[in-house]
């Protein structure tokens, strides 16, 4: 993120859209790599039915939501202070992306239970 902000300072605001898109693409690639690594580590197939009688304890949605708020508050101050509105939008865009990925994963798990 710092490299993107430094590049914006050097290149000027006319390259802001391209820099933000590049950062988001790298962020998406990093998230996808982490998801693949976790799927590989658990040994489960990404599109197969869940293992029988394996139940998760608790609801991780509340944990993700509270964690996002806990991280979002200081990140908002840091991003807005360092990069202004662009940093603020970028920081919250990342937080939203993580929450959307979690929500979509939850829908996918629920779809498997129907079969």
Protein backbone atom coordinates (compact mmCIF):
# COMPACT_ATOMS: atom_id res chain seq x y z
CA UNK A 1 0.00 0.00 0.00
CA UNK A 2 2.87 2.34 0.83
CA UNK A 3 4.45 1.70 -2.59
CA UNK A 4 1.14 2.59 -4.27
CA UNK A 5 0.86 5.79 -2.25
CA UNK A 6 4.48 6.72 -3.02
CA UNK A 7 3.88 6.06 -6.72
CA UNK A 8 0.80 8.30 -6.63
CA UNK A 9 2.83 11.11 -5.09
CA UNK A 10 5.47 10.75 -7.79
CA UNK A 11 3.14 10.25 -10.77
CA UNK A 12 0.39 12.64 -9.77
CA UNK A 13 -3.38 12.33 -9.49
CA UNK A 14 -3.93 11.49 -13.17
CA UNK A 15 -2.59 7.97 -12.50
CA UNK A 16 -4.63 7.45 -9.32
CA UNK A 17 -7.26 5.22 -10.94
CA UNK A 18 -4.67 2.93 -12.51
CA UNK A 19 -2.69 2.72 -9.26
CA UNK A 20 -5.79 1.89 -7.21
CA UNK A 21 -6.87 -0.77 -9.72
CA UNK A 22 -3.38 -2.28 -9.65
CA UNK A 23 -3.40 -2.38 -5.84
CA UNK A 24 -6.85 -3.98 -5.75
CA UNK A 25 -5.75 -6.63 -8.27
CA UNK A 26 -2.71 -7.46 -6.12
CA UNK A 27 -4.91 -7.55 -3.01
CA UNK A 28 -7.36 -9.91 -4.75
CA UNK A 29 -4.47 -12.15 -5.86
CA UNK A 30 -3.11 -12.26 -2.30
CA UNK A 31 -6.52 -13.15 -0.87
CA UNK A 32 -7.03 -15.85 -3.52
CA UNK A 33 -3.59 -17.32 -2.78
CA UNK A 34 -4.36 -17.44 0.94
CA UNK A 35 -7.71 -19.11 0.30
CA UNK A 36 -6.07 -21.70 -1.98
CA UNK A 37 -3.38 -22.36 0.64
CA UNK A 38 -5.98 -22.85 3.36
CA UNK A 39 -8.09 -25.14 1.18
CA UNK A 40 -4.96 -27.14 0.35
CA UNK A 41 -3.95 -27.27 4.03
CA UNK A 42 -7.34 -28.60 5.12
CA UNK A 43 -7.34 -31.15 2.33
CA UNK A 44 -10.92 -30.43 1.34
CA UNK A 45 -12.02 -30.16 -2.26
CA UNK A 46 -13.23 -26.65 -3.12
CA UNK A 47 -16.44 -27.85 -4.81
CA UNK A 48 -17.12 -31.16 -3.16
CA UNK A 49 -19.68 -31.80 -0.42
CA UNK A 50 -18.54 -31.09 3.13
CA UNK A 51 -17.33 -34.03 5.21
CA UNK A 52 -20.04 -35.88 7.11
CA UNK A 53 -20.76 -34.97 10.72
CA UNK A 54 -18.28 -32.14 10.77
CA UNK A 55 -19.78 -29.18 12.51
CA UNK A 56 -18.29 -25.83 13.14
CA UNK A 57 -18.63 -24.41 16.59
CA UNK A 58 -19.92 -20.86 16.76
CA UNK A 59 -20.67 -18.38 14.04
CA UNK A 60 -17.59 -16.84 12.46
CA UNK A 61 -19.69 -14.06 10.88
CA UNK A 62 -19.83 -12.20 14.17
CA UNK A 63 -16.08 -12.61 14.59
CA UNK A 64 -15.41 -11.26 11.09
CA UNK A 65 -17.77 -8.31 11.61
CA UNK A 66 -16.30 -7.36 14.99
CA UNK A 67 -12.76 -7.87 13.72
CA UNK A 68 -13.48 -5.64 10.73
CA UNK A 69 -14.75 -2.88 12.99
CA UNK A 70 -11.82 -3.31 15.36
CA UNK A 71 -9.32 -3.08 12.52
CA UNK A 72 -11.33 -0.47 10.62
CA UNK A 73 -11.27 2.19 13.33
CA UNK A 74 -7.47 2.61 13.59
CA UNK A 75 -7.00 1.87 9.89
CA UNK A 76 -9.39 4.71 9.05
CA UNK A 77 -7.30 7.17 11.03
CA UNK A 78 -4.01 5.97 9.59
CA UNK A 79 -5.21 5.80 5.98
CA UNK A 80 -6.97 9.16 6.08
CA UNK A 81 -3.98 10.80 7.75
CA UNK A 82 -1.43 9.38 5.32
CA UNK A 83 -3.32 9.35 2.02
CA UNK A 84 -6.50 11.37 2.52
CA UNK A 85 -9.72 10.27 0.89
CA UNK A 86 -7.97 7.85 -1.50
CA UNK A 87 -6.37 6.02 1.42
CA UNK A 88 -9.64 5.96 3.30
CA UNK A 89 -11.49 4.48 0.32
CA UNK A 90 -8.72 1.96 -0.28
CA UNK A 91 -8.65 0.82 3.35
CA UNK A 92 -12.40 0.37 3.59
CA UNK A 93 -12.50 -1.22 0.14
CA UNK A 94 -10.15 -3.91 1.46
CA UNK A 95 -12.26 -4.43 4.58
CA UNK A 96 -15.40 -4.70 2.46
CA UNK A 97 -13.68 -7.19 0.14
CA UNK A 98 -12.77 -9.44 3.08
CA UNK A 99 -16.33 -9.33 4.41
CA UNK A 100 -17.79 -10.06 0.97
CA UNK A 101 -15.43 -13.00 0.51
CA UNK A 102 -16.52 -14.37 3.88
CA UNK A 103 -20.21 -13.88 3.07
CA UNK A 104 -19.89 -15.57 -0.32
CA UNK A 105 -18.05 -18.47 1.31
CA UNK A 106 -20.94 -18.82 3.78
CA UNK A 107 -23.48 -18.95 0.97
CA UNK A 108 -21.42 -21.57 -0.82
CA UNK A 109 -21.29 -23.75 2.32
CA UNK A 110 -25.06 -23.44 2.78
CA UNK A 111 -25.64 -24.51 -0.84
CA UNK A 112 -23.67 -27.72 -0.23
CA UNK A 113 -25.79 -28.62 2.78
CA UNK A 114 -28.90 -28.68 0.58
CA UNK A 115 -27.59 -31.64 -1.44
